[in-house]
PDB file of N, CA and C in Angstrom:
ATOM      1  N   UNK A   1       0.678  -1.011   0.412  1.00  0.00           N
ATOM      2  CA  UNK A   1       0.088  -0.202  -0.095  1.00  0.00           C
ATOM      3  C   UNK A   1       1.304   1.336  -0.454  1.00  0.00           C
ATOM      4  N   UNK A   2       1.558   1.271   0.671  1.00  0.00           N
ATOM      5  CA  UNK A   2       2.727   2.583   0.702  1.00  0.00           C
ATOM      6  C   UNK A   2       3.661   2.605  -0.569  1.00  0.00           C
ATOM      7  N   UNK A   3       4.056   1.748  -1.499  1.00  0.00           N
ATOM      8  CA  UNK A   3       4.545   1.801  -2.591  1.00  0.00           C
ATOM      9  C   UNK A   3       3.429   2.713  -3.774  1.00  0.00           C
ATOM     10  N   UNK A   4       2.044   2.764  -3.629  1.00  0.00           N
ATOM     11  CA  UNK A   4       0.799   3.233  -4.214  1.00  0.00           C
ATOM     12  C   UNK A   4       0.950   4.294  -3.486  1.00  0.00           C
ATOM     13  N   UNK A   5       0.879   4.464  -2.216  1.00  0.00           N
ATOM     14  CA  UNK A   5       0.580   5.596  -2.356  1.00  0.00           C
ATOM     15  C   UNK A   5       1.546   6.876  -2.657  1.00  0.00           C
ATOM     16  N   UNK A   6       2.830   5.820  -2.660  1.00  0.00           N
ATOM     17  CA  UNK A   6       4.178   7.054  -2.627  1.00  0.00           C
ATOM     18  C   UNK A   6       3.849   7.013  -5.252  1.00  0.00           C
ATOM     19  N   UNK A   7       3.778   5.893  -5.261  1.00  0.00           N
ATOM     20  CA  UNK A   7       3.554   5.902  -6.688  1.00  0.00           C
ATOM     21  C   UNK A   7       1.758   7.417  -7.037  1.00  0.00           C
ATOM     22  N   UNK A   8       1.075   7.590  -6.168  1.00  0.00           N
ATOM     23  CA  UNK A   8       0.236   8.459  -6.510  1.00  0.00           C
ATOM     24  C   UNK A   8       0.871   9.788  -6.508  1.00  0.00           C
ATOM     25  N   UNK A   9       1.398   9.860  -5.285  1.00  0.00           N
ATOM     26  CA  UNK A   9       2.313  11.358  -5.107  1.00  0.00           C
ATOM     27  C   UNK A   9       3.120  11.859  -5.726  1.00  0.00           C
ATOM     28  N   UNK A  10       3.896  10.462  -6.282  1.00  0.00           N
ATOM     29  CA  UNK A  10       4.751  11.511  -7.924  1.00  0.00           C
ATOM     30  C   UNK A  10       4.433  11.931  -8.267  1.00  0.00           C
ATOM     31  N   UNK A  11       3.510  11.176  -8.978  1.00  0.00           N
ATOM     32  CA  UNK A  11       2.298  11.462 -10.473  1.00  0.00           C
ATOM     33  C   UNK A  11       1.565  12.466  -9.556  1.00  0.00           C
ATOM     34  N   UNK A  12       1.602  13.351  -8.852  1.00  0.00           N
ATOM     35  CA  UNK A  12       0.685  14.531  -8.754  1.00  0.00           C
ATOM     36  C   UNK A  12       1.815  15.395  -8.050  1.00  0.00           C
ATOM     37  N   UNK A  13       3.062  15.194  -7.802  1.00  0.00           N
ATOM     38  CA  UNK A  13       4.245  16.366  -8.083  1.00  0.00           C
ATOM     39  C   UNK A  13       4.511  16.230  -9.425  1.00  0.00           C
ATOM     40  N   UNK A  14       4.138  15.654 -10.453  1.00  0.00           N
ATOM     41  CA  UNK A  14       4.481  15.757 -11.693  1.00  0.00           C
ATOM     42  C   UNK A  14       3.461  16.502 -12.258  1.00  0.00           C
ATOM     43  N   UNK A  15       2.274  16.378 -12.105  1.00  0.00           N
ATOM     44  CA  UNK A  15       1.049  17.218 -12.288  1.00  0.00           C
ATOM     45  C   UNK A  15       0.041  17.954 -12.275  1.00  0.00           C
ATOM     46  N   UNK A  16       1.383  18.400 -10.712  1.00  0.00           N
ATOM     47  CA  UNK A  16       0.636  19.576  -9.967  1.00  0.00           C
ATOM     48  C   UNK A  16      -0.512  19.254  -9.855  1.00  0.00           C
ATOM     49  N   UNK A  17      -0.957  18.170  -8.834  1.00  0.00           N
ATOM     50  CA  UNK A  17      -1.912  17.814  -7.890  1.00  0.00           C
ATOM     51  C   UNK A  17      -2.260  18.173  -6.421  1.00  0.00           C
ATOM     52  N   UNK A  18      -2.321  18.352  -6.165  1.00  0.00           N
ATOM     53  CA  UNK A  18      -2.707  18.258  -5.003  1.00  0.00           C
ATOM     54  C   UNK A  18      -3.343  17.061  -4.330  1.00  0.00           C
ATOM     55  N   UNK A  19      -2.767  16.614  -4.127  1.00  0.00           N
ATOM     56  CA  UNK A  19      -3.228  15.030  -2.230  1.00  0.00           C
ATOM     57  C   UNK A  19      -4.069  15.694  -1.015  1.00  0.00           C
ATOM     58  N   UNK A  20      -4.822  14.700  -1.069  1.00  0.00           N
ATOM     59  CA  UNK A  20      -5.603  14.984   0.647  1.00  0.00           C
ATOM     60  C   UNK A  20      -5.943  13.890   1.068  1.00  0.00           C
ATOM     61  N   UNK A  21      -5.699  12.691   2.057  1.00  0.00           N
ATOM     62  CA  UNK A  21      -5.196  11.566   2.503  1.00  0.00           C
ATOM     63  C   UNK A  21      -6.411  11.419   4.009  1.00  0.00           C
ATOM     64  N   UNK A  22      -7.762  10.832   3.514  1.00  0.00           N
ATOM     65  CA  UNK A  22      -8.695  11.269   4.537  1.00  0.00           C
ATOM     66  C   UNK A  22      -8.961   9.789   5.578  1.00  0.00           C
ATOM     67  N   UNK A  23      -8.298   9.943   6.619  1.00  0.00           N
ATOM     68  CA  UNK A  23      -8.541   8.307   7.247  1.00  0.00           C
ATOM     69  C   UNK A  23     -10.193   8.033   8.439  1.00  0.00           C
ATOM     70  N   UNK A  24     -10.397   7.586   6.822  1.00  0.00           N
ATOM     71  CA  UNK A  24     -11.647   7.387   7.937  1.00  0.00           C
ATOM     72  C   UNK A  24     -12.158   6.148   8.764  1.00  0.00           C
ATOM     73  N   UNK A  25     -12.549   6.216  10.301  1.00  0.00           N
ATOM     74  CA  UNK A  25     -12.644   5.906  11.372  1.00  0.00           C
ATOM     75  C   UNK A  25     -12.933   4.950  11.803  1.00  0.00           C
ATOM     76  N   UNK A  26     -12.709   3.491  11.878  1.00  0.00           N
ATOM     77  CA  UNK A  26     -13.830   1.671  11.915  1.00  0.00           C
ATOM     78  C   UNK A  26     -15.454   2.929  13.377  1.00  0.00           C
ATOM     79  N   UNK A  27     -16.029   2.808  12.433  1.00  0.00           N
ATOM     80  CA  UNK A  27     -17.247   3.318  14.041  1.00  0.00           C
ATOM     81  C   UNK A  27     -17.815   1.845  14.766  1.00  0.00           C
ATOM     82  N   UNK A  28     -17.368   1.666  14.713  1.00  0.00           N
ATOM     83  CA  UNK A  28     -17.863  -0.144  15.420  1.00  0.00           C
ATOM     84  C   UNK A  28     -18.076   0.264  17.154  1.00  0.00           C
ATOM     85  N   UNK A  29     -17.126   1.355  17.822  1.00  0.00           N
ATOM     86  CA  UNK A  29     -16.979   0.972  18.906  1.00  0.00           C
ATOM     87  C   UNK A  29     -15.920   2.106  18.526  1.00  0.00           C
ATOM     88  N   UNK A  30     -17.223   3.617  18.816  1.00  0.00           N
ATOM     89  CA  UNK A  30     -16.086   4.942  19.582  1.00  0.00           C
ATOM     90  C   UNK A  30     -15.503   5.156  20.940  1.00  0.00           C
ATOM     91  N   UNK A  31     -16.204   5.262  21.940  1.00  0.00           N
ATOM     92  CA  UNK A  31     -15.443   4.663  23.285  1.00  0.00           C
ATOM     93  C   UNK A  31     -14.768   4.133  23.911  1.00  0.00           C
ATOM     94  N   UNK A  32     -14.430   3.051  23.818  1.00  0.00           N
ATOM     95  CA  UNK A  32     -13.095   2.028  23.367  1.00  0.00           C
ATOM     96  C   UNK A  32     -12.726   2.126  22.311  1.00  0.00           C
ATOM     97  N   UNK A  33     -12.325   2.910  21.166  1.00  0.00           N
ATOM     98  CA  UNK A  33     -12.056   3.275  20.359  1.00  0.00           C
ATOM     99  C   UNK A  33     -10.040   2.541  20.553  1.00  0.00           C
ATOM    100  N   UNK A  34      -9.676   1.227  19.157  1.00  0.00           N
ATOM    101  CA  UNK A  34      -8.921   0.671  19.353  1.00  0.00           C
ATOM    102  C   UNK A  34      -7.568   0.958  18.406  1.00  0.00           C
ATOM    103  N   UNK A  35      -8.242   2.177  17.299  1.00  0.00           N
ATOM    104  CA  UNK A  35      -7.291   2.324  16.308  1.00  0.00           C
ATOM    105  C   UNK A  35      -6.575   3.692  15.849  1.00  0.00           C
ATOM    106  N   UNK A  36      -6.905   4.088  16.386  1.00  0.00           N
ATOM    107  CA  UNK A  36      -5.606   5.797  17.340  1.00  0.00           C
ATOM    108  C   UNK A  36      -4.344   5.314  16.500  1.00  0.00           C
ATOM    109  N   UNK A  37      -3.626   4.360  16.457  1.00  0.00           N
ATOM    110  CA  UNK A  37      -2.335   3.846  16.356  1.00  0.00           C
ATOM    111  C   UNK A  37      -2.366   3.842  14.205  1.00  0.00           C
ATOM    112  N   UNK A  38      -3.627   3.333  13.851  1.00  0.00           N
ATOM    113  CA  UNK A  38      -4.024   3.786  12.287  1.00  0.00           C
ATOM    114  C   UNK A  38      -3.905   5.240  11.813  1.00  0.00           C
ATOM    115  N   UNK A  39      -4.323   5.614  12.656  1.00  0.00           N
ATOM    116  CA  UNK A  39      -4.270   7.108  12.135  1.00  0.00           C
ATOM    117  C   UNK A  39      -3.109   7.476  11.712  1.00  0.00           C
ATOM    118  N   UNK A  40      -2.233   7.258  13.292  1.00  0.00           N
ATOM    119  CA  UNK A  40      -0.908   7.943  13.474  1.00  0.00           C
ATOM    120  C   UNK A  40       0.230   7.540  12.435  1.00  0.00           C
ATOM    121  N   UNK A  41      -0.134   6.234  11.930  1.00  0.00           N
ATOM    122  CA  UNK A  41       0.501   5.541  10.979  1.00  0.00           C
ATOM    123  C   UNK A  41       0.023   6.739   9.880  1.00  0.00           C
ATOM    124  N   UNK A  42      -0.745   7.014   9.489  1.00  0.00           N
ATOM    125  CA  UNK A  42      -1.643   7.352   7.847  1.00  0.00           C
ATOM    126  C   UNK A  42      -1.174   8.325   8.113  1.00  0.00           C
ATOM    127  N   UNK A  43      -1.374   9.697   9.551  1.00  0.00           N
ATOM    128  CA  UNK A  43      -0.352  10.736   9.172  1.00  0.00           C
ATOM    129  C   UNK A  43       1.027  10.929   9.319  1.00  0.00           C
ATOM    130  N   UNK A  44       1.337  10.000   9.496  1.00  0.00           N
ATOM    131  CA  UNK A  44       2.844  10.189   9.381  1.00  0.00           C
ATOM    132  C   UNK A  44       3.606  10.024   7.770  1.00  0.00           C
ATOM    133  N   UNK A  45       2.670   8.724   7.255  1.00  0.00           N
ATOM    134  CA  UNK A  45       3.053   8.269   5.820  1.00  0.00           C
ATOM    135  C   UNK A  45       2.610   9.518   4.926  1.00  0.00           C
ATOM    136  N   UNK A  46       1.289   9.866   5.601  1.00  0.00           N
ATOM    137  CA  UNK A  46       1.270  11.123   4.721  1.00  0.00           C
ATOM    138  C   UNK A  46       2.519  12.148   4.442  1.00  0.00           C
ATOM    139  N   UNK A  47       2.027  12.719   5.158  1.00  0.00           N
ATOM    140  CA  UNK A  47       3.404  13.729   5.639  1.00  0.00           C
ATOM    141  C   UNK A  47       4.473  13.538   5.002  1.00  0.00           C
ATOM    142  N   UNK A  48       4.309  12.251   5.229  1.00  0.00           N
ATOM    143  CA  UNK A  48       6.457  11.908   4.628  1.00  0.00           C
ATOM    144  C   UNK A  48       6.050  11.975   3.125  1.00  0.00           C
ATOM    145  N   UNK A  49       4.523  11.718   2.090  1.00  0.00           N
ATOM    146  CA  UNK A  49       5.106  11.109   1.005  1.00  0.00           C
ATOM    147  C   UNK A  49       4.077  12.406  -0.177  1.00  0.00           C
ATOM    148  N   UNK A  50       3.901  13.812   0.846  1.00  0.00           N
ATOM    149  CA  UNK A  50       3.710  15.281   0.812  1.00  0.00           C
ATOM    150  C   UNK A  50       2.177  15.244   0.645  1.00  0.00           C
ATOM    151  N   UNK A  51       1.473  14.389   1.216  1.00  0.00           N
ATOM    152  CA  UNK A  51       0.194  13.981   0.843  1.00  0.00           C
ATOM    153  C   UNK A  51      -1.165  15.647   2.149  1.00  0.00           C
ATOM    154  N   UNK A  52      -2.006  16.443   1.848  1.00  0.00           N
ATOM    155  CA  UNK A  52      -2.621  16.766   3.032  1.00  0.00           C
ATOM    156  C   UNK A  52      -3.539  15.472   3.659  1.00  0.00           C
ATOM    157  N   UNK A  53      -3.407  16.122   5.268  1.00  0.00           N
ATOM    158  CA  UNK A  53      -3.805  14.805   5.632  1.00  0.00           C
ATOM    159  C   UNK A  53      -5.290  15.146   6.494  1.00  0.00           C
ATOM    160  N   UNK A  54      -6.518  14.634   6.391  1.00  0.00           N
ATOM    161  CA  UNK A  54      -7.875  14.621   7.563  1.00  0.00           C
ATOM    162  C   UNK A  54      -8.180  12.926   7.833  1.00  0.00           C
ATOM    163  N   UNK A  55      -8.255  13.451   9.497  1.00  0.00           N
ATOM    164  CA  UNK A  55      -8.471  12.546  10.181  1.00  0.00           C
ATOM    165  C   UNK A  55     -10.418  12.425  10.342  1.00  0.00           C
ATOM    166  N   UNK A  56     -10.964  11.570  10.295  1.00  0.00           N
ATOM    167  CA  UNK A  56     -12.157  11.523  10.781  1.00  0.00           C
ATOM    168  C   UNK A  56     -12.633  11.480  11.358  1.00  0.00           C
ATOM    169  N   UNK A  57     -11.495  10.697  12.476  1.00  0.00           N
ATOM    170  CA  UNK A  57     -12.762  10.589  13.918  1.00  0.00           C
ATOM    171  C   UNK A  57     -12.515  12.107  14.409  1.00  0.00           C
ATOM    172  N   UNK A  58     -11.981  12.837  14.685  1.00  0.00           N
ATOM    173  CA  UNK A  58     -12.296  14.458  15.574  1.00  0.00           C
ATOM    174  C   UNK A  58     -14.384  14.749  14.695  1.00  0.00           C
ATOM    175  N   UNK A  59     -14.465  14.702  13.426  1.00  0.00           N
ATOM    176  CA  UNK A  59     -15.477  14.470  13.522  1.00  0.00           C
ATOM    177  C   UNK A  59     -16.589  13.935  13.948  1.00  0.00           C
ATOM    178  N   UNK A  60     -16.722  12.592  14.653  1.00  0.00           N
ATOM    179  CA  UNK A  60     -16.990  11.848  15.897  1.00  0.00           C
ATOM    180  C   UNK A  60     -17.830  11.858  16.764  1.00  0.00           C
ATOM    181  N   UNK A  61     -16.757  13.042  17.171  1.00  0.00           N
ATOM    182  CA  UNK A  61     -16.319  13.360  19.016  1.00  0.00           C
ATOM    183  C   UNK A  61     -18.457  13.854  19.358  1.00  0.00           C
ATOM    184  N   UNK A  62     -18.700  14.068  19.323  1.00  0.00           N
ATOM    185  CA  UNK A  62     -19.946  14.272  20.225  1.00  0.00           C
ATOM    186  C   UNK A  62     -21.121  13.758  19.353  1.00  0.00           C
ATOM    187  N   UNK A  63     -21.050  12.425  19.022  1.00  0.00           N
ATOM    188  CA  UNK A  63     -22.600  11.491  18.058  1.00  0.00           C
ATOM    189  C   UNK A  63     -22.405  11.445  19.885  1.00  0.00           C
ATOM    190  N   UNK A  64     -23.977  10.571  20.371  1.00  0.00           N
ATOM    191  CA  UNK A  64     -23.509   9.748  21.498  1.00  0.00           C
ATOM    192  C   UNK A  64     -23.170   8.019  22.100  1.00  0.00           C
ATOM    193  N   UNK A  65     -23.555   7.724  20.254  1.00  0.00           N
ATOM    194  CA  UNK A  65     -23.554   6.183  20.794  1.00  0.00           C
ATOM    195  C   UNK A  65     -22.955   5.951  19.228  1.00  0.00           C
ATOM    196  N   UNK A  66     -21.891   4.872  18.882  1.00  0.00           N
ATOM    197  CA  UNK A  66     -21.211   4.752  17.964  1.00  0.00           C
ATOM    198  C   UNK A  66     -22.419   4.033  17.000  1.00  0.00           C
ATOM    199  N   UNK A  67     -23.529   3.419  17.556  1.00  0.00           N
ATOM    200  CA  UNK A  67     -24.583   2.981  16.813  1.00  0.00           C
ATOM    201  C   UNK A  67     -25.537   3.574  16.241  1.00  0.00           C
ATOM    202  N   UNK A  68     -25.540   5.027  16.772  1.00  0.00           N
ATOM    203  CA  UNK A  68     -25.928   6.063  16.256  1.00  0.00           C
ATOM    204  C   UNK A  68     -25.556   5.877  14.214  1.00  0.00           C
ATOM    205  N   UNK A  69     -24.192   5.457  13.955  1.00  0.00           N
ATOM    206  CA  UNK A  69     -23.619   6.191  12.793  1.00  0.00           C
ATOM    207  C   UNK A  69     -23.695   4.604  11.953  1.00  0.00           C
ATOM    208  N   UNK A  70     -24.572   3.715  12.478  1.00  0.00           N
ATOM    209  CA  UNK A  70     -24.484   2.195  11.696  1.00  0.00           C
ATOM    210  C   UNK A  70     -25.229   2.736  10.933  1.00  0.00           C
ATOM    211  N   UNK A  71     -24.632   1.426   9.476  1.00  0.00           N
ATOM    212  CA  UNK A  71     -25.895   1.932   8.319  1.00  0.00           C
ATOM    213  C   UNK A  71     -26.795   0.730   8.839  1.00  0.00           C
ATOM    214  N   UNK A  72     -27.287  -0.441   9.878  1.00  0.00           N
ATOM    215  CA  UNK A  72     -28.232  -0.531  10.226  1.00  0.00           C
ATOM    216  C   UNK A  72     -27.763  -1.118  11.692  1.00  0.00           C
ATOM    217  N   UNK A  73     -28.434  -1.669  12.639  1.00  0.00           N
ATOM    218  CA  UNK A  73     -28.393  -2.891  13.677  1.00  0.00           C
ATOM    219  C   UNK A  73     -26.978  -3.887  13.554  1.00  0.00           C
ATOM    220  N   UNK A  74     -26.052  -4.147  13.730  1.00  0.00           N
ATOM    221  CA  UNK A  74     -25.109  -4.792  13.579  1.00  0.00           C
ATOM    222  C   UNK A  74     -24.440  -4.805  12.581  1.00  0.00           C
ATOM    223  N   UNK A  75     -24.105  -4.270  11.760  1.00  0.00           N
ATOM    224  CA  UNK A  75     -24.178  -3.822  10.077  1.00  0.00           C
ATOM    225  C   UNK A  75     -22.802  -2.144  10.747  1.00  0.00           C
ATOM    226  N   UNK A  76     -21.790  -2.611  11.276  1.00  0.00           N
ATOM    227  CA  UNK A  76     -20.824  -1.047  11.780  1.00  0.00           C
ATOM    228  C   UNK A  76     -20.547  -0.191  10.564  1.00  0.00           C
ATOM    229  N   UNK A  77     -21.017  -0.571   9.230  1.00  0.00           N
ATOM    230  CA  UNK A  77     -20.479   0.425   8.264  1.00  0.00           C
ATOM    231  C   UNK A  77     -20.540   2.141   8.620  1.00  0.00           C
ATOM    232  N   UNK A  78     -20.359   2.845   8.093  1.00  0.00           N
ATOM    233  CA  UNK A  78     -20.641   4.437   8.626  1.00  0.00           C
ATOM    234  C   UNK A  78     -21.923   4.370   7.236  1.00  0.00           C
ATOM    235  N   UNK A  79     -22.910   5.315   7.926  1.00  0.00           N
ATOM    236  CA  UNK A  79     -23.999   5.469   7.728  1.00  0.00           C
ATOM    237  C   UNK A  79     -24.261   6.961   7.085  1.00  0.00           C
ATOM    238  N   UNK A  80     -25.769   7.548   6.489  1.00  0.00           N
ATOM    239  CA  UNK A  80     -25.664   9.167   5.830  1.00  0.00           C
ATOM    240  C   UNK A  80     -25.131   9.758   6.913  1.00  0.00           C
ATOM    241  N   UNK A  81     -25.321   9.886   7.928  1.00  0.00           N
ATOM    242  CA  UNK A  81     -25.078  11.212   9.382  1.00  0.00           C
ATOM    243  C   UNK A  81     -23.400  10.833   9.481  1.00  0.00           C
ATOM    244  N   UNK A  82     -22.503   9.558   9.378  1.00  0.00           N
ATOM    245  CA  UNK A  82     -21.478   9.522   9.624  1.00  0.00           C
ATOM    246  C   UNK A  82     -20.207   9.956   8.435  1.00  0.00           C
ATOM    247  N   UNK A  83     -21.071   9.770   6.915  1.00  0.00           N
ATOM    248  CA  UNK A  83     -20.693   9.747   6.132  1.00  0.00           C
ATOM    249  C   UNK A  83     -20.933  11.520   5.728  1.00  0.00           C
ATOM    250  N   UNK A  84     -22.075  12.067   6.352  1.00  0.00           N
ATOM    251  CA  UNK A  84     -22.131  13.646   6.416  1.00  0.00           C
ATOM    252  C   UNK A  84     -21.060  14.340   7.219  1.00  0.00           C
ATOM    253  N   UNK A  85     -20.590  13.642   8.545  1.00  0.00           N
ATOM    254  CA  UNK A  85     -20.014  14.357   9.490  1.00  0.00           C
ATOM    255  C   UNK A  85     -18.714  14.503   9.144  1.00  0.00           C
ATOM    256  N   UNK A  86     -18.099  13.187   7.887  1.00  0.00           N
ATOM    257  CA  UNK A  86     -17.065  13.062   7.440  1.00  0.00           C
ATOM    258  C   UNK A  86     -17.012  14.437   5.861  1.00  0.00           C
ATOM    259  N   UNK A  87     -17.843  14.778   5.620  1.00  0.00           N
ATOM    260  CA  UNK A  87     -17.941  15.235   4.500  1.00  0.00           C
ATOM    261  C   UNK A  87     -17.609  16.839   5.137  1.00  0.00           C
ATOM    262  N   UNK A  88     -18.872  17.059   6.428  1.00  0.00           N
ATOM    263  CA  UNK A  88     -17.916  18.686   7.092  1.00  0.00           C
ATOM    264  C   UNK A  88     -16.630  18.782   7.386  1.00  0.00           C
ATOM    265  N   UNK A  89     -15.809  17.734   7.421  1.00  0.00           N
ATOM    266  CA  UNK A  89     -15.010  18.003   8.329  1.00  0.00           C
ATOM    267  C   UNK A  89     -13.752  18.043   7.144  1.00  0.00           C
ATOM    268  N   UNK A  90     -13.792  17.530   5.585  1.00  0.00           N
ATOM    269  CA  UNK A  90     -12.722  17.578   4.971  1.00  0.00           C
ATOM    270  C   UNK A  90     -13.406  19.042   3.996  1.00  0.00           C
ATOM    271  N   UNK A  91     -14.997  19.754   3.913  1.00  0.00           N
ATOM    272  CA  UNK A  91     -14.975  21.216   3.935  1.00  0.00           C
ATOM    273  C   UNK A  91     -14.421  21.391   4.644  1.00  0.00           C
ATOM    274  N   UNK A  92     -14.782  21.628   6.021  1.00  0.00           N
ATOM    275  CA  UNK A  92     -13.878  22.509   6.907  1.00  0.00           C
ATOM    276  C   UNK A  92     -12.331  22.703   6.806  1.00  0.00           C
ATOM    277  N   UNK A  93     -11.282  21.501   6.812  1.00  0.00           N
ATOM    278  CA  UNK A  93     -10.241  21.567   5.596  1.00  0.00           C
ATOM    279  C   UNK A  93      -9.672  22.421   4.360  1.00  0.00           C
ATOM    280  N   UNK A  94     -10.813  21.799   3.583  1.00  0.00           N
ATOM    281  CA  UNK A  94     -10.269  22.896   2.373  1.00  0.00           C
ATOM    282  C   UNK A  94     -10.343  24.069   2.795  1.00  0.00           C
ATOM    283  N   UNK A  95     -11.806  24.932   3.426  1.00  0.00           N
ATOM    284  CA  UNK A  95     -11.887  26.346   3.151  1.00  0.00           C
ATOM    285  C   UNK A  95     -11.148  26.779   4.543  1.00  0.00           C
ATOM    286  N   UNK A  96     -10.309  26.242   5.581  1.00  0.00           N
ATOM    287  CA  UNK A  96      -9.266  26.880   5.718  1.00  0.00           C
ATOM    288  C   UNK A  96      -7.883  26.367   5.380  1.00  0.00           C
ATOM    289  N   UNK A  97      -7.722  25.343   4.724  1.00  0.00           N
ATOM    290  CA  UNK A  97      -6.124  25.141   4.580  1.00  0.00           C
ATOM    291  C   UNK A  97      -5.374  24.926   3.168  1.00  0.00           C
ATOM    292  N   UNK A  98      -6.670  26.023   1.696  1.00  0.00           N
ATOM    293  CA  UNK A  98      -6.625  25.676   0.003  1.00  0.00           C
ATOM    294  C   UNK A  98      -5.533  26.531   0.052  1.00  0.00           C
TER     295      UNK A  98
END
């Protein structure tokens, strides 16, 4: 994966394209979130390769229950609410970091 991200970074530099890498959190259990290490790795990788980085996890901080973000009961894929919160995070990033 890192080589693919590097290839894309190299291509973008040659063609003057800005890249943003967004880390989508796993929304199964936000109260006992076990994947911060993955966010840290991806943030470091993004910085090393020249990507801008948006972490989707802070966008979910005000959600009371992880289940409010699930596609359906028992299916912890992000639902419309989660995707709207992620989109807002990207929008705010673009408006502040252009």
